Amino acid sequence: MRFSNRRTALVLGVSGVLAGFAPLGSAQDFPRKQITIVVPYAAGGGADAVARLLAADITKKIGHQVLVDNRPGANGHLGTGLVARAAPDGYTLLLVPPNPIVNSKLLYKKLPFDAERDLAPVSKLVESPFAIMAYPARYPDIQSLIAYAKANPGKVNVGTNGNGASGHLLGLAIEANTGARFNMVPYKGSAQMVGELMTGRIDMTVDYPSAYLGQIEAKSIRVLATLGNTRSPFLPNAPTMKEAGFGVEGVGWFGLYAPKGVPADLQNRLNSLFKESLQTPTVATQLAAMGYGVVASTPAELEAYIQSESAKLAVLVKAANISLD
């Protein structure tokens, strides 16, 4: 009995010592090294700009480097798949628009990942209404562009961030609503489309306006309409599609994800880090200047939002009979 009691005491003593140390990947001592934010699109676009702004601010706050890693390709599937296969330790994150998380699941039968199975929501970060931007020498307003596209089917070239991207689907929604017929031209990112739009190689794009603000100000690109419920405070002179007589709406957003299996306390720690950064006055001001409104949701709120958006998009996909396989 005496031996048994001593053994029990030793075990309890060791347990007490171990309890004083945080396990690898726990929130207690996170972070202890570099964090990588994967953006599955080319540098220079909206997701890249938001990621780099947050990365710079969080680097200052935590004393460890936060790196942005652009992995464009396959409509965002390449970079998204990379994060889906990463260790769930909080050091590899994904910053994305809806495309690979919501859209692709409804449009592709085969994907290199399953967003629901392989990724854990951290936070919905920011949102912005989409805008229709055009080559200014051809189209003074949205009505003239729609009229031309109806009279000349397939002659209006519309740049998108890839087949199945939100801009592509909104272009299809505009076709369905107006009777216009476009020629969709996929690109790897918004940065490519800026130059193409300025030179008239494409006629228009439906995209986040943030990547085009300098050209909009210089009047080398014209905003024909925005797709929010009300006029954008960042583009007050642009009418909404509803004002222009067309019933198409679209608000884009960027969300943050970690690999599935990340511990709940670490998921919440990441949420707090990014929420604190988003609410930092200098960061919020810069985001506003780019046309983004801060959301900073909880993981549960992002998950619920994804379910709601998926249900809405499924109706459009079914009605338009869209499949990209």
C-alpha atoms as a PDB file:
ATOM      1  CA  MET A   1       0.000   0.000   0.000  1.00  0.00           C
ATOM      2  CA  ARG A   2       2.800   2.359   0.809  1.00  0.00           C
ATOM      3  CA  PHE A   3       4.344   1.748  -2.648  1.00  0.00           C
ATOM      4  CA  SER A   4       1.011   2.254  -4.345  1.00  0.00           C
ATOM      5  CA  ASN A   5       0.457   5.600  -2.614  1.00  0.00           C
ATOM      6  CA  ARG A   6       3.951   6.799  -3.546  1.00  0.00           C
ATOM      7  CA  ARG A   7       3.394   5.822  -7.156  1.00  0.00           C
ATOM      8  CA  THR A   8       0.100   7.694  -7.214  1.00  0.00           C
ATOM      9  CA  ALA A   9       1.798  10.747  -5.744  1.00  0.00           C
ATOM     10  CA  LEU A  10       4.520  10.609  -8.366  1.00  0.00           C
ATOM     11  CA  VAL A  11       1.988  10.364 -11.181  1.00  0.00           C
ATOM     12  CA  LEU A  12       0.001  13.264  -9.799  1.00  0.00           C
ATOM     13  CA  GLY A  13       3.194  15.246  -9.397  1.00  0.00           C
ATOM     14  CA  VAL A  14       4.241  14.673 -12.984  1.00  0.00           C
ATOM     15  CA  SER A  15       0.746  15.563 -14.186  1.00  0.00           C
ATOM     16  CA  GLY A  16       0.937  18.792 -12.259  1.00  0.00           C
ATOM     17  CA  VAL A  17       4.255  19.673 -13.874  1.00  0.00           C
ATOM     18  CA  LEU A  18       2.934  18.885 -17.359  1.00  0.00           C
ATOM     19  CA  ALA A  19      -0.147  21.003 -16.731  1.00  0.00           C
ATOM     20  CA  GLY A  20       2.152  23.990 -16.430  1.00  0.00           C
ATOM     21  CA  PHE A  21       3.235  23.644 -20.050  1.00  0.00           C
ATOM     22  CA  ALA A  22       1.000  24.406 -23.053  1.00  0.00           C
ATOM     23  CA  PRO A  23       0.768  21.645 -25.669  1.00  0.00           C
ATOM     24  CA  LEU A  24       2.158  22.280 -29.123  1.00  0.00           C
ATOM     25  CA  GLY A  25      -0.287  24.350 -31.158  1.00  0.00           C
ATOM     26  CA  SER A  26      -2.289  25.550 -28.138  1.00  0.00           C
ATOM     27  CA  ALA A  27      -3.606  29.094 -27.805  1.00  0.00           C
ATOM     28  CA  GLN A  28      -1.716  29.701 -24.545  1.00  0.00           C
ATOM     29  CA  ASP A  29       1.623  30.362 -26.224  1.00  0.00           C
ATOM     30  CA  PHE A  30       0.476  31.139 -29.775  1.00  0.00           C
ATOM     31  CA  PRO A  31       2.184  32.302 -31.891  1.00  0.00           C
ATOM     32  CA  ARG A  32       5.747  31.124 -31.476  1.00  0.00           C
ATOM     33  CA  LYS A  33       6.847  31.470 -35.109  1.00  0.00           C
ATOM     34  CA  GLN A  34       5.888  32.894 -38.516  1.00  0.00           C
ATOM     35  CA  ILE A  35       2.246  32.765 -39.626  1.00  0.00           C
ATOM     36  CA  THR A  36       1.517  32.370 -43.347  1.00  0.00           C
ATOM     37  CA  ILE A  37      -1.664  33.710 -44.953  1.00  0.00           C
ATOM     38  CA  VAL A  38      -2.252  31.986 -48.271  1.00  0.00           C
ATOM     39  CA  VAL A  39      -4.103  34.089 -50.865  1.00  0.00           C
ATOM     40  CA  PRO A  40      -5.092  31.833 -53.801  1.00  0.00           C
ATOM     41  CA  TYR A  41      -4.977  34.697 -56.303  1.00  0.00           C
ATOM     42  CA  ALA A  42      -2.303  36.856 -57.895  1.00  0.00           C
ATOM     43  CA  ALA A  43      -0.734  39.792 -56.075  1.00  0.00           C
ATOM     44  CA  GLY A  44      -2.373  43.177 -56.586  1.00  0.00           C
ATOM     45  CA  GLY A  45      -6.010  42.125 -56.221  1.00  0.00           C
ATOM     46  CA  GLY A  46      -8.484  42.829 -53.441  1.00  0.00           C
ATOM     47  CA  ALA A  47      -7.774  39.716 -51.348  1.00  0.00           C
ATOM     48  CA  ASP A  48      -4.044  40.385 -51.595  1.00  0.00           C
ATOM     49  CA  ALA A  49      -4.432  44.016 -50.501  1.00  0.00           C
ATOM     50  CA  VAL A  50      -6.547  43.098 -47.468  1.00  0.00           C
ATOM     51  CA  ALA A  51      -4.208  40.256 -46.503  1.00  0.00           C
ATOM     52  CA  ARG A  52      -1.095  42.447 -46.690  1.00  0.00           C
ATOM     53  CA  LEU A  53      -2.672  45.230 -44.652  1.00  0.00           C
ATOM     54  CA  LEU A  54      -3.702  42.828 -41.883  1.00  0.00           C
ATOM     55  CA  ALA A  55      -0.409  40.917 -42.031  1.00  0.00           C
ATOM     56  CA  ALA A  56       1.639  44.094 -41.511  1.00  0.00           C
ATOM     57  CA  ASP A  57      -0.486  45.197 -38.560  1.00  0.00           C
ATOM     58  CA  ILE A  58      -0.559  41.803 -36.832  1.00  0.00           C
ATOM     59  CA  THR A  59       3.214  41.409 -37.302  1.00  0.00           C
ATOM     60  CA  LYS A  60       3.679  44.561 -35.205  1.00  0.00           C
ATOM     61  CA  LYS A  61       1.286  43.306 -32.539  1.00  0.00           C
ATOM     62  CA  ILE A  62       2.631  39.771 -32.031  1.00  0.00           C
ATOM     63  CA  GLY A  63       6.355  40.173 -32.686  1.00  0.00           C
ATOM     64  CA  HIS A  64       6.436  37.392 -35.280  1.00  0.00           C
ATOM     65  CA  GLN A  65       6.336  37.746 -39.056  1.00  0.00           C
ATOM     66  CA  VAL A  66       2.984  37.291 -40.783  1.00  0.00           C
ATOM     67  CA  LEU A  67       3.716  36.439 -44.405  1.00  0.00           C
ATOM     68  CA  VAL A  68       1.336  36.636 -47.388  1.00  0.00           C
ATOM     69  CA  ASP A  69       1.851  33.790 -49.854  1.00  0.00           C
ATOM     70  CA  ASN A  70       0.118  34.256 -53.236  1.00  0.00           C
ATOM     71  CA  ARG A  71      -0.775  30.900 -54.821  1.00  0.00           C
ATOM     72  CA  PRO A  72      -2.901  31.706 -57.892  1.00  0.00           C
ATOM     73  CA  GLY A  73      -4.298  29.059 -60.196  1.00  0.00           C
ATOM     74  CA  ALA A  74      -7.330  26.904 -60.963  1.00  0.00           C
ATOM     75  CA  ASN A  75      -9.843  29.567 -59.848  1.00  0.00           C
ATOM     76  CA  GLY A  76      -8.454  29.624 -56.316  1.00  0.00           C
ATOM     77  CA  HIS A  77      -8.425  25.833 -55.952  1.00  0.00           C
ATOM     78  CA  LEU A  78      -4.636  25.526 -55.900  1.00  0.00           C
ATOM     79  CA  GLY A  79      -4.016  27.722 -52.850  1.00  0.00           C
ATOM     80  CA  THR A  80      -7.175  26.583 -51.088  1.00  0.00           C
ATOM     81  CA  GLY A  81      -6.145  22.947 -51.462  1.00  0.00           C
ATOM     82  CA  LEU A  82      -2.720  23.786 -50.057  1.00  0.00           C
ATOM     83  CA  VAL A  83      -4.248  25.114 -46.831  1.00  0.00           C
ATOM     84  CA  ALA A  84      -6.768  22.268 -46.668  1.00  0.00           C
ATOM     85  CA  ARG A  85      -3.833  19.827 -46.485  1.00  0.00           C
ATOM     86  CA  ALA A  86      -1.751  21.882 -44.022  1.00  0.00           C
ATOM     87  CA  ALA A  87      -1.203  21.039 -40.363  1.00  0.00           C
ATOM     88  CA  PRO A  88      -4.038  22.374 -38.168  1.00  0.00           C
ATOM     89  CA  ASP A  89      -1.661  24.305 -35.918  1.00  0.00           C
ATOM     90  CA  GLY A  90      -2.790  27.860 -36.746  1.00  0.00           C
ATOM     91  CA  TYR A  91       0.358  28.791 -38.669  1.00  0.00           C
ATOM     92  CA  THR A  92      -1.107  28.335 -42.160  1.00  0.00           C
ATOM     93  CA  LEU A  93      -4.266  30.317 -42.927  1.00  0.00           C
ATOM     94  CA  LEU A  94      -6.406  31.031 -45.971  1.00  0.00           C
ATOM     95  CA  LEU A  95      -7.848  34.441 -46.910  1.00  0.00           C
ATOM     96  CA  VAL A  96     -10.453  34.090 -49.655  1.00  0.00           C
ATOM     97  CA  PRO A  97     -13.525  35.535 -51.340  1.00  0.00           C
ATOM     98  CA  PRO A  98     -16.572  33.257 -51.772  1.00  0.00           C
ATOM     99  CA  ASN A  99     -15.271  31.600 -54.955  1.00  0.00           C
ATOM    100  CA  PRO A 100     -13.482  28.484 -53.677  1.00  0.00           C
ATOM    101  CA  ILE A 101     -15.568  28.144 -50.508  1.00  0.00           C
ATOM    102  CA  VAL A 102     -19.138  28.643 -51.736  1.00  0.00           C
ATOM    103  CA  ASN A 103     -19.186  28.806 -55.537  1.00  0.00           C
ATOM    104  CA  SER A 104     -16.928  25.897 -56.451  1.00  0.00           C
ATOM    105  CA  LYS A 105     -18.832  23.341 -54.383  1.00  0.00           C
ATOM    106  CA  LEU A 106     -21.930  24.046 -56.476  1.00  0.00           C
ATOM    107  CA  LEU A 107     -20.167  24.244 -59.829  1.00  0.00           C
ATOM    108  CA  TYR A 108     -17.591  21.458 -59.820  1.00  0.00           C
ATOM    109  CA  LYS A 109     -18.244  17.770 -59.275  1.00  0.00           C
ATOM    110  CA  LYS A 110     -14.574  17.098 -58.521  1.00  0.00           C
ATOM    111  CA  LEU A 111     -12.413  19.332 -56.334  1.00  0.00           C
ATOM    112  CA  PRO A 112      -9.032  18.758 -54.672  1.00  0.00           C
ATOM    113  CA  PHE A 113     -10.641  19.650 -51.321  1.00  0.00           C
ATOM    114  CA  ASP A 114     -13.982  19.785 -49.535  1.00  0.00           C
ATOM    115  CA  ALA A 115     -14.346  23.182 -47.874  1.00  0.00           C
ATOM    116  CA  GLU A 116     -16.786  21.950 -45.229  1.00  0.00           C
ATOM    117  CA  ARG A 117     -14.695  18.877 -44.393  1.00  0.00           C
ATOM    118  CA  ASP A 118     -11.193  20.368 -44.726  1.00  0.00           C
ATOM    119  CA  LEU A 119     -11.432  23.994 -43.543  1.00  0.00           C
ATOM    120  CA  ALA A 120     -12.444  25.648 -40.274  1.00  0.00           C
ATOM    121  CA  PRO A 121     -13.972  29.157 -40.336  1.00  0.00           C
ATOM    122  CA  VAL A 122     -12.124  31.822 -38.355  1.00  0.00           C
ATOM    123  CA  SER A 123     -13.803  35.116 -39.300  1.00  0.00           C
ATOM    124  CA  LYS A 124     -15.647  36.972 -42.008  1.00  0.00           C
ATOM    125  CA  LEU A 125     -13.303  39.951 -42.297  1.00  0.00           C
ATOM    126  CA  VAL A 126     -14.672  42.629 -44.631  1.00  0.00           C
ATOM    127  CA  GLU A 127     -17.335  43.115 -47.263  1.00  0.00           C
ATOM    128  CA  SER A 128     -17.892  45.363 -50.258  1.00  0.00           C
ATOM    129  CA  PRO A 129     -20.576  45.666 -52.929  1.00  0.00           C
ATOM    130  CA  PHE A 130     -19.429  44.549 -56.353  1.00  0.00           C
ATOM    131  CA  ALA A 131     -19.191  47.154 -59.091  1.00  0.00           C
ATOM    132  CA  ILE A 132     -19.508  47.076 -62.859  1.00  0.00           C
ATOM    133  CA  MET A 133     -16.481  48.824 -64.336  1.00  0.00           C
ATOM    134  CA  ALA A 134     -16.009  49.555 -68.021  1.00  0.00           C
ATOM    135  CA  TYR A 135     -13.708  50.940 -70.685  1.00  0.00           C
ATOM    136  CA  PRO A 136     -14.856  54.594 -70.597  1.00  0.00           C
ATOM    137  CA  ALA A 137     -14.501  55.403 -74.309  1.00  0.00           C
ATOM    138  CA  ARG A 138     -17.226  52.922 -75.237  1.00  0.00           C
ATOM    139  CA  TYR A 139     -19.909  53.071 -72.577  1.00  0.00           C
ATOM    140  CA  PRO A 140     -21.076  56.238 -70.794  1.00  0.00           C
ATOM    141  CA  ASP A 141     -23.560  54.360 -68.582  1.00  0.00           C
ATOM    142  CA  ILE A 142     -24.866  50.892 -67.750  1.00  0.00           C
ATOM    143  CA  GLN A 143     -27.946  51.294 -69.952  1.00  0.00           C
ATOM    144  CA  SER A 144     -25.833  51.818 -73.074  1.00  0.00           C
ATOM    145  CA  LEU A 145     -23.685  48.786 -72.320  1.00  0.00           C
ATOM    146  CA  ILE A 146     -26.714  46.538 -71.743  1.00  0.00           C
ATOM    147  CA  ALA A 147     -28.393  47.829 -74.912  1.00  0.00           C
ATOM    148  CA  TYR A 148     -25.272  47.095 -76.978  1.00  0.00           C
ATOM    149  CA  ALA A 149     -24.865  43.608 -75.460  1.00  0.00           C
ATOM    150  CA  LYS A 150     -28.484  42.791 -76.275  1.00  0.00           C
ATOM    151  CA  ALA A 151     -28.184  44.008 -79.856  1.00  0.00           C
ATOM    152  CA  ASN A 152     -24.754  42.368 -80.358  1.00  0.00           C
ATOM    153  CA  PRO A 153     -24.726  39.022 -78.498  1.00  0.00           C
ATOM    154  CA  GLY A 154     -21.245  37.898 -77.473  1.00  0.00           C
ATOM    155  CA  LYS A 155     -19.536  41.110 -78.557  1.00  0.00           C
ATOM    156  CA  VAL A 156     -19.065  42.585 -75.078  1.00  0.00           C
ATOM    157  CA  ASN A 157     -15.987  41.004 -73.465  1.00  0.00           C
ATOM    158  CA  VAL A 158     -16.366  40.645 -69.696  1.00  0.00           C
ATOM    159  CA  GLY A 159     -13.275  39.953 -67.583  1.00  0.00           C
ATOM    160  CA  THR A 160     -13.699  37.626 -64.596  1.00  0.00           C
ATOM    161  CA  ASN A 161     -11.481  36.195 -61.868  1.00  0.00           C
ATOM    162  CA  GLY A 162     -11.986  32.745 -63.382  1.00  0.00           C
ATOM    163  CA  ASN A 163     -14.880  30.533 -64.373  1.00  0.00           C
ATOM    164  CA  GLY A 164     -17.213  30.158 -61.421  1.00  0.00           C
ATOM    165  CA  ALA A 165     -15.878  33.244 -59.628  1.00  0.00           C
ATOM    166  CA  SER A 166     -18.435  35.625 -58.164  1.00  0.00           C
ATOM    167  CA  GLY A 167     -17.921  38.151 -60.986  1.00  0.00           C
ATOM    168  CA  HIS A 168     -18.584  35.405 -63.531  1.00  0.00           C
ATOM    169  CA  LEU A 169     -21.791  34.324 -61.770  1.00  0.00           C
ATOM    170  CA  LEU A 170     -22.958  37.922 -61.405  1.00  0.00           C
ATOM    171  CA  GLY A 171     -22.323  38.411 -65.121  1.00  0.00           C
ATOM    172  CA  LEU A 172     -24.610  35.439 -65.777  1.00  0.00           C
ATOM    173  CA  ALA A 173     -27.195  36.919 -63.414  1.00  0.00           C
ATOM    174  CA  ILE A 174     -27.071  40.201 -65.354  1.00  0.00           C
ATOM    175  CA  GLU A 175     -27.590  38.251 -68.593  1.00  0.00           C
ATOM    176  CA  ALA A 176     -30.611  36.485 -67.105  1.00  0.00           C
ATOM    177  CA  ASN A 177     -32.072  39.730 -65.762  1.00  0.00           C
ATOM    178  CA  THR A 178     -31.520  41.943 -68.816  1.00  0.00           C
ATOM    179  CA  GLY A 179     -31.392  39.687 -71.871  1.00  0.00           C
ATOM    180  CA  ALA A 180     -27.811  40.794 -72.622  1.00  0.00           C
ATOM    181  CA  ARG A 181     -25.294  38.205 -73.848  1.00  0.00           C
ATOM    182  CA  PHE A 182     -21.637  38.558 -72.901  1.00  0.00           C
ATOM    183  CA  ASN A 183     -18.369  36.861 -73.816  1.00  0.00           C
ATOM    184  CA  MET A 184     -16.760  35.848 -70.497  1.00  0.00           C
ATOM    185  CA  VAL A 185     -12.943  36.061 -70.392  1.00  0.00           C
ATOM    186  CA  PRO A 186     -11.255  34.435 -67.349  1.00  0.00           C
ATOM    187  CA  TYR A 187      -8.135  35.930 -65.707  1.00  0.00           C
ATOM    188  CA  LYS A 188      -5.950  34.909 -62.761  1.00  0.00           C
ATOM    189  CA  GLY A 189      -6.734  38.040 -60.783  1.00  0.00           C
ATOM    190  CA  SER A 190      -7.971  41.614 -60.683  1.00  0.00           C
ATOM    191  CA  ALA A 191      -4.505  43.072 -61.283  1.00  0.00           C
ATOM    192  CA  GLN A 192      -4.463  41.568 -64.775  1.00  0.00           C
ATOM    193  CA  MET A 193      -7.903  42.944 -65.577  1.00  0.00           C
ATOM    194  CA  VAL A 194      -6.976  46.519 -64.635  1.00  0.00           C
ATOM    195  CA  GLY A 195      -4.584  46.818 -67.583  1.00  0.00           C
ATOM    196  CA  GLU A 196      -6.903  44.948 -69.933  1.00  0.00           C
ATOM    197  CA  LEU A 197      -9.778  47.269 -69.058  1.00  0.00           C
ATOM    198  CA  MET A 198      -7.711  50.445 -69.411  1.00  0.00           C
ATOM    199  CA  THR A 199      -6.643  49.476 -72.931  1.00  0.00           C
ATOM    200  CA  GLY A 200     -10.065  48.282 -74.032  1.00  0.00           C
ATOM    201  CA  ARG A 201      -9.046  44.642 -74.527  1.00  0.00           C
ATOM    202  CA  ILE A 202     -12.044  43.848 -72.359  1.00  0.00           C
ATOM    203  CA  ASP A 203     -15.167  45.980 -72.167  1.00  0.00           C
ATOM    204  CA  MET A 204     -16.180  45.504 -68.566  1.00  0.00           C
ATOM    205  CA  THR A 205     -15.723  43.520 -65.382  1.00  0.00           C
ATOM    206  CA  VAL A 206     -17.872  42.779 -62.346  1.00  0.00           C
ATOM    207  CA  ASP A 207     -15.434  42.906 -59.441  1.00  0.00           C
ATOM    208  CA  TYR A 208     -14.490  44.462 -56.121  1.00  0.00           C
ATOM    209  CA  PRO A 209     -13.699  48.110 -56.951  1.00  0.00           C
ATOM    210  CA  SER A 210     -10.725  48.276 -54.556  1.00  0.00           C
ATOM    211  CA  ALA A 211      -8.149  47.129 -57.128  1.00  0.00           C
ATOM    212  CA  TYR A 212      -9.322  49.797 -59.602  1.00  0.00           C
ATOM    213  CA  LEU A 213      -9.608  52.887 -57.381  1.00  0.00           C
ATOM    214  CA  GLY A 214      -6.538  54.683 -58.784  1.00  0.00           C
ATOM    215  CA  GLN A 215      -7.741  54.213 -62.359  1.00  0.00           C
ATOM    216  CA  ILE A 216     -11.285  55.202 -61.418  1.00  0.00           C
ATOM    217  CA  GLU A 217      -9.977  58.429 -59.890  1.00  0.00           C
ATOM    218  CA  ALA A 218      -7.861  59.052 -62.993  1.00  0.00           C
ATOM    219  CA  LYS A 219     -10.964  58.390 -65.141  1.00  0.00           C
ATOM    220  CA  SER A 220      -9.187  55.707 -67.163  1.00  0.00           C
ATOM    221  CA  ILE A 221     -11.815  53.241 -65.909  1.00  0.00           C
ATOM    222  CA  ARG A 222     -15.475  54.139 -65.395  1.00  0.00           C
ATOM    223  CA  VAL A 223     -17.808  52.690 -62.761  1.00  0.00           C
ATOM    224  CA  LEU A 224     -21.153  52.152 -64.469  1.00  0.00           C
ATOM    225  CA  ALA A 225     -23.046  50.806 -61.444  1.00  0.00           C
ATOM    226  CA  THR A 226     -22.665  49.163 -58.060  1.00  0.00           C
ATOM    227  CA  LEU A 227     -24.536  46.071 -56.936  1.00  0.00           C
ATOM    228  CA  GLY A 228     -25.375  46.986 -53.349  1.00  0.00           C
ATOM    229  CA  ASN A 229     -28.791  47.854 -51.923  1.00  0.00           C
ATOM    230  CA  THR A 230     -27.795  51.503 -51.650  1.00  0.00           C
ATOM    231  CA  ARG A 231     -25.123  53.685 -53.234  1.00  0.00           C
ATOM    232  CA  SER A 232     -21.623  52.983 -52.043  1.00  0.00           C
ATOM    233  CA  PRO A 233     -20.171  55.744 -49.821  1.00  0.00           C
ATOM    234  CA  PHE A 234     -16.879  55.142 -51.653  1.00  0.00           C
ATOM    235  CA  LEU A 235     -18.447  55.559 -55.111  1.00  0.00           C
ATOM    236  CA  PRO A 236     -21.306  58.006 -54.452  1.00  0.00           C
ATOM    237  CA  ASN A 237     -21.674  59.056 -58.101  1.00  0.00           C
ATOM    238  CA  ALA A 238     -22.299  55.520 -59.337  1.00  0.00           C
ATOM    239  CA  PRO A 239     -25.945  54.394 -59.385  1.00  0.00           C
ATOM    240  CA  THR A 240     -26.973  51.012 -58.066  1.00  0.00           C
ATOM    241  CA  MET A 241     -28.244  48.458 -60.562  1.00  0.00           C
ATOM    242  CA  LYS A 242     -31.638  48.840 -58.923  1.00  0.00           C
ATOM    243  CA  GLU A 243     -31.591  52.600 -59.611  1.00  0.00           C
ATOM    244  CA  ALA A 244     -30.645  51.882 -63.223  1.00  0.00           C
ATOM    245  CA  GLY A 245     -33.693  49.655 -63.619  1.00  0.00           C
ATOM    246  CA  PHE A 246     -32.039  46.234 -63.278  1.00  0.00           C
ATOM    247  CA  GLY A 247     -32.730  43.849 -60.406  1.00  0.00           C
ATOM    248  CA  VAL A 248     -29.271  42.403 -59.747  1.00  0.00           C
ATOM    249  CA  GLU A 249     -27.492  42.673 -56.405  1.00  0.00           C
ATOM    250  CA  GLY A 250     -24.169  41.320 -55.189  1.00  0.00           C
ATOM    251  CA  VAL A 251     -22.084  42.024 -52.085  1.00  0.00           C
ATOM    252  CA  GLY A 252     -18.664  40.421 -51.909  1.00  0.00           C
ATOM    253  CA  TRP A 253     -16.636  39.532 -48.834  1.00  0.00           C
ATOM    254  CA  PHE A 254     -13.368  38.027 -47.686  1.00  0.00           C
ATOM    255  CA  GLY A 255     -13.140  35.355 -45.021  1.00  0.00           C
ATOM    256  CA  LEU A 256     -10.341  33.747 -43.030  1.00  0.00           C
ATOM    257  CA  TYR A 257      -9.989  29.974 -42.652  1.00  0.00           C
ATOM    258  CA  ALA A 258      -7.665  27.513 -40.943  1.00  0.00           C
ATOM    259  CA  PRO A 259      -7.187  23.814 -41.703  1.00  0.00           C
ATOM    260  CA  LYS A 260      -9.887  21.601 -40.175  1.00  0.00           C
ATOM    261  CA  GLY A 261      -8.879  20.135 -36.845  1.00  0.00           C
ATOM    262  CA  VAL A 262      -7.467  23.347 -35.423  1.00  0.00           C
ATOM    263  CA  PRO A 263      -8.245  23.327 -31.662  1.00  0.00           C
ATOM    264  CA  ALA A 264     -11.200  25.504 -30.663  1.00  0.00           C
ATOM    265  CA  ASP A 265      -9.119  27.662 -28.315  1.00  0.00           C
ATOM    266  CA  LEU A 266      -6.620  28.333 -31.101  1.00  0.00           C
ATOM    267  CA  GLN A 267      -9.439  29.083 -33.545  1.00  0.00           C
ATOM    268  CA  ASN A 268     -10.759  31.659 -31.072  1.00  0.00           C
ATOM    269  CA  ARG A 269      -7.257  33.064 -30.526  1.00  0.00           C
ATOM    270  CA  LEU A 270      -6.880  33.614 -34.284  1.00  0.00           C
ATOM    271  CA  ASN A 271     -10.314  35.209 -34.378  1.00  0.00           C
ATOM    272  CA  SER A 272      -9.302  37.629 -31.610  1.00  0.00           C
ATOM    273  CA  LEU A 273      -6.017  38.525 -33.327  1.00  0.00           C
ATOM    274  CA  PHE A 274      -7.691  39.429 -36.604  1.00  0.00           C
ATOM    275  CA  LYS A 275     -10.647  41.137 -34.949  1.00  0.00           C
ATOM    276  CA  GLU A 276      -8.261  43.348 -32.966  1.00  0.00           C
ATOM    277  CA  SER A 277      -6.413  44.239 -36.158  1.00  0.00           C
ATOM    278  CA  LEU A 278      -9.606  45.022 -38.086  1.00  0.00           C
ATOM    279  CA  GLN A 279     -10.749  47.329 -35.285  1.00  0.00           C
ATOM    280  CA  THR A 280      -7.421  49.191 -35.125  1.00  0.00           C
ATOM    281  CA  PRO A 281      -8.272  52.754 -36.311  1.00  0.00           C
ATOM    282  CA  THR A 282      -5.459  53.006 -38.875  1.00  0.00           C
ATOM    283  CA  VAL A 283      -6.370  49.623 -40.386  1.00  0.00           C
ATOM    284  CA  ALA A 284     -10.098  50.398 -40.479  1.00  0.00           C
ATOM    285  CA  THR A 285      -9.353  53.745 -42.145  1.00  0.00           C
ATOM    286  CA  GLN A 286      -7.211  52.132 -44.834  1.00  0.00           C
ATOM    287  CA  LEU A 287      -9.835  49.458 -45.473  1.00  0.00           C
ATOM    288  CA  ALA A 288     -12.485  52.155 -45.823  1.00  0.00           C
ATOM    289  CA  ALA A 289     -10.290  53.983 -48.334  1.00  0.00           C
ATOM    290  CA  MET A 290     -10.190  50.751 -50.355  1.00  0.00           C
ATOM    291  CA  GLY A 291     -13.974  50.484 -50.235  1.00  0.00           C
ATOM    292  CA  TYR A 292     -14.325  47.781 -47.569  1.00  0.00           C
ATOM    293  CA  GLY A 293     -16.528  47.736 -44.519  1.00  0.00           C
ATOM    294  CA  VAL A 294     -15.257  45.842 -41.462  1.00  0.00           C
ATOM    295  CA  VAL A 295     -17.336  42.840 -40.346  1.00  0.00           C
ATOM    296  CA  ALA A 296     -15.122  40.824 -37.933  1.00  0.00           C
ATOM    297  CA  SER A 297     -17.520  37.955 -37.285  1.00  0.00           C
ATOM    298  CA  THR A 298     -17.169  34.962 -34.978  1.00  0.00           C
ATOM    299  CA  PRO A 299     -16.366  31.540 -36.492  1.00  0.00           C
ATOM    300  CA  ALA A 300     -19.966  30.429 -35.907  1.00  0.00           C
ATOM    301  CA  GLU A 301     -21.335  33.535 -37.631  1.00  0.00           C
ATOM    302  CA  LEU A 302     -19.155  32.921 -40.688  1.00  0.00           C
ATOM    303  CA  GLU A 303     -20.259  29.285 -40.858  1.00  0.00           C
ATOM    304  CA  ALA A 304     -23.936  30.294 -40.700  1.00  0.00           C
ATOM    305  CA  TYR A 305     -23.388  32.962 -43.359  1.00  0.00           C
ATOM    306  CA  ILE A 306     -21.759  30.418 -45.679  1.00  0.00           C
ATOM    307  CA  GLN A 307     -24.754  28.113 -45.353  1.00  0.00           C
ATOM    308  CA  SER A 308     -27.131  30.986 -46.169  1.00  0.00           C
ATOM    309  CA  GLU A 309     -25.107  32.155 -49.181  1.00  0.00           C
ATOM    310  CA  SER A 310     -24.785  28.601 -50.499  1.00  0.00           C
ATOM    311  CA  ALA A 311     -28.541  28.170 -50.463  1.00  0.00           C
ATOM    312  CA  LYS A 312     -29.068  31.419 -52.395  1.00  0.00           C
ATOM    313  CA  LEU A 313     -26.394  30.628 -54.958  1.00  0.00           C
ATOM    314  CA  ALA A 314     -27.739  27.120 -55.511  1.00  0.00           C
ATOM    315  CA  VAL A 315     -30.951  28.656 -56.869  1.00  0.00           C
ATOM    316  CA  LEU A 316     -29.015  30.705 -59.482  1.00  0.00           C
ATOM    317  CA  VAL A 317     -26.805  27.779 -60.469  1.00  0.00           C
ATOM    318  CA  LYS A 318     -29.803  25.495 -60.935  1.00  0.00           C
ATOM    319  CA  ALA A 319     -31.814  28.084 -62.875  1.00  0.00           C
ATOM    320  CA  ALA A 320     -28.909  28.834 -65.192  1.00  0.00           C
ATOM    321  CA  ASN A 321     -27.965  25.150 -65.471  1.00  0.00           C
ATOM    322  CA  ILE A 322     -24.306  25.964 -64.820  1.00  0.00           C
ATOM    323  CA  SER A 323     -21.667  23.236 -64.493  1.00  0.00           C
ATOM    324  CA  LEU A 324     -17.931  23.734 -64.996  1.00  0.00           C
ATOM    325  CA  ASP A 325     -16.746  20.118 -65.043  1.00  0.00           C
END
